[in-house]
Amino acid sequence: MIELTNVTKTYNGKNNAVEDLNLTINSGEIFGFLGPNGAGKSTTIKMIMGIIKNDSGCIKVDGVDINEKPLEAKSKIGYVPDSPDMFLRLKGIEYLNFMSDIYDVETSVRQKRIEELSKYFDMESALSDKIQSYSHGMRQKIIVMGALIHDPSVWILDEPLTGLDPKAAYNLKEMMRRHADSGKTVFFSTHVLEVAEKVCDRIAIINKGKILFCGTITEMKDSLKEQGSSLEKMFLELVEDENK
């Protein structure tokens, strides 16, 4: 579970990137976080991760305050950032062992996890190569593998499907579903509304740092009286109304 209570983040002392945000992502669900560019999605995710500090409010991951006990909170999270271009000089296997060391994954456990994940994402033959030689999609795969190496209860995925080939994207969506069905949490942002509509149990739409809607697709259709409409149409209607 992820809980954000009255969370605000201001830049330059005047611009609220996120304003009085209240959001609860439950255990056992895939939760989609949607919004146009500059809406506050990445700021929110980085605050949950403790990368940047919120100015006010409280953020908890499985009941642990990210600011009061950052290491304990982060140990529960598997995080995929919006760019996979990192640790490029490491080999794939070196990166996975590095991530395993960070999260204190025992040798026998990490070996099994590496074997399972590399097979699942068709990366077995690439682990001995440097990440800088990988394609964008392969870099995305290795980052996802590193995020999941310690079997975290909470997945926070920022545009995780970008650059993945159809098989890898399908496999990741299947993993997300199994993770949520096991009673754990998946929180992910995406610009691909069709994916969000098919995969998510609930969604939140944010614009200008404020939540415009939070709930199921059915609840959105009921609230907007848009039965039969696509998520794309409803999303555009909400955002355009907010921008008027």
Protein backbone atom coordinates (compact mmCIF):
# COMPACT_ATOMS: atom_id res chain seq x y z
CA MET A 1 0.00 0.00 0.00
CA ILE A 2 1.07 3.58 -0.73
CA GLU A 3 -0.53 6.50 1.12
CA LEU A 4 -0.10 10.18 0.30
CA THR A 5 -1.79 12.62 2.68
CA ASN A 6 -1.97 16.38 1.98
CA VAL A 7 1.28 16.25 0.00
CA THR A 8 2.56 19.47 -1.56
CA LYS A 9 5.73 20.24 -3.49
CA THR A 10 6.62 23.76 -4.58
CA TYR A 11 9.43 24.78 -6.93
CA ASN A 12 11.04 28.22 -6.88
CA GLY A 13 8.87 29.17 -3.94
CA LYS A 14 5.80 29.84 -6.06
CA ASN A 15 4.92 27.06 -8.49
CA ASN A 16 3.10 24.09 -6.99
CA ALA A 17 4.19 20.98 -8.91
CA VAL A 18 1.90 18.99 -6.60
CA GLU A 19 -0.76 20.61 -4.44
CA ASP A 20 -2.44 19.05 -1.39
CA LEU A 21 -2.37 15.59 -2.93
CA ASN A 22 -4.34 12.79 -1.27
CA LEU A 23 -3.99 9.35 -2.79
CA THR A 24 -4.18 5.75 -1.59
CA ILE A 25 -2.88 2.86 -3.70
CA ASN A 26 -4.17 -0.34 -2.16
CA SER A 27 -2.51 -3.70 -1.82
CA GLY A 28 -3.81 -6.15 -4.39
CA GLU A 29 -4.34 -3.71 -7.24
CA ILE A 30 -2.71 -2.30 -10.35
CA PHE A 31 -3.02 1.47 -10.10
CA GLY A 32 -2.45 3.66 -13.15
CA PHE A 33 -1.20 7.24 -12.77
CA LEU A 34 -2.11 9.34 -15.80
CA GLY A 35 -1.66 12.93 -16.85
CA PRO A 36 -0.25 15.21 -19.56
CA ASN A 37 3.40 16.26 -19.62
CA GLY A 38 4.24 18.51 -16.68
CA ALA A 39 1.16 17.43 -14.72
CA GLY A 40 3.11 16.34 -11.63
CA LYS A 41 3.41 12.59 -12.25
CA SER A 42 7.20 12.33 -12.06
CA THR A 43 7.37 14.73 -9.11
CA THR A 44 4.87 12.56 -7.23
CA ILE A 45 6.77 9.37 -8.01
CA LYS A 46 10.10 10.90 -6.98
CA MET A 47 8.60 12.04 -3.69
CA ILE A 48 7.28 8.54 -3.00
CA MET A 49 10.78 7.23 -3.72
CA GLY A 50 12.42 9.82 -1.46
CA ILE A 51 14.44 11.21 -4.39
CA ILE A 52 12.99 14.64 -3.71
CA LYS A 53 11.40 15.74 -0.44
CA ASN A 54 7.83 16.92 -0.17
CA ASP A 55 7.35 20.34 1.42
CA SER A 56 4.37 19.23 3.48
CA GLY A 57 2.17 16.20 4.05
CA CYS A 58 2.97 12.56 4.68
CA ILE A 59 4.01 9.70 2.39
CA LYS A 60 3.92 6.10 3.60
CA VAL A 61 4.91 2.85 1.89
CA ASP A 62 3.40 -0.21 3.57
CA GLY A 63 2.91 1.94 6.65
CA VAL A 64 6.49 3.27 6.74
CA ASP A 65 7.07 7.03 6.42
CA ILE A 66 9.50 7.63 3.53
CA ASN A 67 11.01 10.67 5.25
CA GLU A 68 11.27 9.25 8.77
CA LYS A 69 12.58 5.78 7.80
CA PRO A 70 13.78 6.08 4.19
CA LEU A 71 15.88 2.90 4.05
CA GLU A 72 13.11 0.75 5.50
CA ALA A 73 10.55 2.22 3.12
CA LYS A 74 12.80 1.91 0.07
CA SER A 75 13.59 -1.72 0.87
CA LYS A 76 9.95 -2.49 0.14
CA ILE A 77 10.02 -0.87 -3.32
CA GLY A 78 11.03 -1.97 -6.78
CA TYR A 79 11.50 1.23 -8.82
CA VAL A 80 11.77 1.60 -12.58
CA PRO A 81 12.61 5.22 -13.52
CA ASP A 82 11.48 6.93 -16.71
CA SER A 83 14.93 6.59 -18.32
CA PRO A 84 16.95 3.35 -18.53
CA ASP A 85 20.21 5.11 -19.43
CA MET A 86 22.22 4.45 -16.26
CA PHE A 87 25.20 2.36 -15.13
CA LEU A 88 26.11 2.03 -18.81
CA ARG A 89 29.68 0.88 -18.17
CA LEU A 90 28.57 -2.12 -16.14
CA LYS A 91 27.83 -5.46 -17.70
CA GLY A 92 24.27 -6.66 -17.30
CA ILE A 93 25.25 -9.31 -14.77
CA GLU A 94 27.35 -6.78 -12.83
CA TYR A 95 24.35 -4.46 -12.60
CA LEU A 96 22.07 -7.23 -11.34
CA ASN A 97 24.63 -8.26 -8.72
CA PHE A 98 25.06 -4.62 -7.74
CA MET A 99 21.33 -4.27 -7.19
CA SER A 100 21.30 -7.56 -5.28
CA ASP A 101 24.07 -6.25 -3.01
CA ILE A 102 22.12 -3.06 -2.31
CA TYR A 103 19.10 -5.06 -1.18
CA ASP A 104 21.10 -7.77 0.63
CA VAL A 105 19.83 -10.58 -1.60
CA GLU A 106 21.58 -13.81 -0.65
CA THR A 107 23.78 -15.46 -3.29
CA SER A 108 21.63 -18.54 -3.78
CA VAL A 109 18.46 -16.47 -4.01
CA ARG A 110 19.92 -13.92 -6.41
CA GLN A 111 21.23 -16.59 -8.75
CA LYS A 112 17.78 -18.13 -9.01
CA ARG A 113 16.13 -14.74 -9.52
CA ILE A 114 18.65 -13.72 -12.18
CA GLU A 115 18.10 -16.98 -14.04
CA GLU A 116 14.32 -16.62 -13.87
CA LEU A 117 14.21 -12.95 -14.89
CA SER A 118 16.80 -13.22 -17.67
CA LYS A 119 14.92 -16.16 -19.18
CA TYR A 120 11.59 -14.41 -18.83
CA PHE A 121 12.87 -11.31 -20.65
CA ASP A 122 15.09 -13.17 -23.17
CA MET A 123 18.26 -11.56 -21.75
CA GLU A 124 20.38 -14.65 -20.98
CA SER A 125 22.85 -14.10 -23.81
CA ALA A 126 23.21 -10.37 -23.11
CA LEU A 127 24.18 -10.43 -19.43
CA SER A 128 27.91 -10.60 -20.19
CA ASP A 129 27.73 -7.48 -22.40
CA LYS A 130 28.01 -3.89 -21.19
CA ILE A 131 24.74 -2.02 -20.81
CA GLN A 132 26.02 0.74 -23.10
CA SER A 133 25.94 -1.78 -25.97
CA TYR A 134 22.26 -2.57 -25.34
CA SER A 135 19.38 -1.24 -27.39
CA HIS A 136 16.88 1.02 -25.60
CA GLY A 137 14.53 -1.92 -25.11
CA MET A 138 17.26 -4.11 -23.65
CA ARG A 139 18.26 -1.32 -21.26
CA GLN A 140 14.64 -1.10 -20.15
CA LYS A 141 14.58 -4.84 -19.53
CA ILE A 142 17.74 -4.85 -17.40
CA ILE A 143 16.41 -1.93 -15.30
CA VAL A 144 13.15 -3.79 -14.74
CA MET A 145 15.09 -6.92 -13.77
CA GLY A 146 17.19 -4.94 -11.31
CA ALA A 147 14.09 -3.41 -9.76
CA LEU A 148 12.52 -6.82 -9.17
CA ILE A 149 15.63 -8.71 -8.05
CA HIS A 150 14.75 -8.45 -4.33
CA ASP A 151 11.08 -9.42 -4.87
CA PRO A 152 9.69 -6.15 -3.45
CA SER A 153 6.10 -5.88 -2.25
CA VAL A 154 5.55 -2.49 -3.90
CA TRP A 155 6.32 -1.87 -7.57
CA ILE A 156 6.65 1.75 -8.71
CA LEU A 157 7.04 1.85 -12.48
CA ASP A 158 7.47 5.12 -14.39
CA GLU A 159 6.61 4.47 -18.06
CA PRO A 160 7.86 0.85 -17.77
CA LEU A 161 6.65 -0.33 -21.19
CA THR A 162 8.52 2.30 -23.22
CA GLY A 163 10.84 0.64 -25.72
CA LEU A 164 9.89 -2.93 -24.85
CA ASP A 165 9.17 -5.34 -27.68
CA PRO A 166 5.63 -6.82 -27.75
CA LYS A 167 6.64 -10.05 -26.02
CA ALA A 168 8.51 -8.29 -23.21
CA ALA A 169 5.67 -5.80 -22.76
CA TYR A 170 3.16 -8.65 -22.55
CA ASN A 171 5.33 -10.53 -20.05
CA LEU A 172 5.72 -7.46 -17.84
CA LYS A 173 1.97 -6.83 -17.84
CA GLU A 174 1.43 -10.47 -16.88
CA MET A 175 3.94 -10.09 -14.03
CA MET A 176 2.16 -6.93 -12.86
CA ARG A 177 -1.16 -8.79 -12.79
CA ARG A 178 0.25 -11.74 -10.85
CA HIS A 179 1.96 -9.41 -8.39
CA ALA A 180 -1.26 -7.54 -7.68
CA ASP A 181 -3.30 -10.74 -7.51
CA SER A 182 -0.92 -12.01 -4.82
CA GLY A 183 -2.00 -9.11 -2.60
CA LYS A 184 0.83 -6.72 -3.40
CA THR A 185 0.95 -3.27 -5.01
CA VAL A 186 1.66 -2.06 -8.54
CA PHE A 187 1.75 1.70 -9.16
CA PHE A 188 2.69 2.78 -12.65
CA SER A 189 2.53 5.85 -14.86
CA THR A 190 1.90 5.66 -18.56
CA HIS A 191 0.93 7.79 -21.55
CA VAL A 192 -0.53 4.75 -23.30
CA LEU A 193 -4.16 5.09 -22.27
CA GLU A 194 -5.22 1.90 -24.02
CA VAL A 195 -2.84 -0.08 -21.81
CA ALA A 196 -4.12 1.64 -18.68
CA GLU A 197 -7.71 0.89 -19.63
CA LYS A 198 -6.99 -2.82 -20.13
CA VAL A 199 -4.58 -3.40 -17.24
CA CYS A 200 -5.53 -1.15 -14.32
CA ASP A 201 -7.95 -1.86 -11.50
CA ARG A 202 -8.08 1.85 -10.68
CA ILE A 203 -6.58 5.01 -12.14
CA ALA A 204 -5.88 8.57 -11.07
CA ILE A 205 -5.66 11.50 -13.47
CA ILE A 206 -3.49 14.40 -12.41
CA ASN A 207 -3.15 17.81 -14.05
CA LYS A 208 -1.43 20.96 -12.81
CA GLY A 209 -0.52 19.11 -9.62
CA LYS A 210 -4.09 18.24 -8.66
CA ILE A 211 -6.04 14.98 -8.87
CA LEU A 212 -8.95 15.37 -11.29
CA PHE A 213 -10.27 11.85 -10.86
CA CYS A 214 -9.49 8.70 -8.89
CA GLY A 215 -11.39 5.44 -9.26
CA THR A 216 -12.32 2.72 -11.71
CA ILE A 217 -13.01 3.23 -15.41
CA THR A 218 -16.66 2.37 -14.73
CA GLU A 219 -16.84 5.05 -12.02
CA MET A 220 -15.35 7.57 -14.43
CA LYS A 221 -17.92 6.73 -17.10
CA ASP A 222 -20.71 7.09 -14.53
CA SER A 223 -19.42 10.42 -13.21
CA LEU A 224 -19.02 11.88 -16.71
CA LYS A 225 -22.16 10.21 -18.11
CA GLU A 226 -19.95 8.77 -20.84
CA GLN A 227 -21.10 5.15 -21.05
CA GLY A 228 -19.35 3.44 -23.94
CA SER A 229 -16.62 6.08 -24.21
CA SER A 230 -12.93 5.18 -24.26
CA LEU A 231 -10.53 6.21 -21.53
CA GLU A 232 -8.77 8.39 -24.10
CA LYS A 233 -11.91 10.43 -24.77
CA MET A 234 -12.72 10.83 -21.07
CA PHE A 235 -9.11 11.71 -20.24
CA LEU A 236 -9.05 14.46 -22.87
CA GLU A 237 -12.41 15.79 -21.68
CA LEU A 238 -11.21 16.05 -18.07
CA VAL A 239 -7.87 17.64 -18.91
CA GLU A 240 -9.35 20.12 -21.42
CA ASP A 241 -12.02 21.19 -18.93
CA GLU A 242 -9.29 21.79 -16.32
CA ASN A 243 -7.26 23.87 -18.78
CA LYS A 244 -10.13 26.21 -19.65
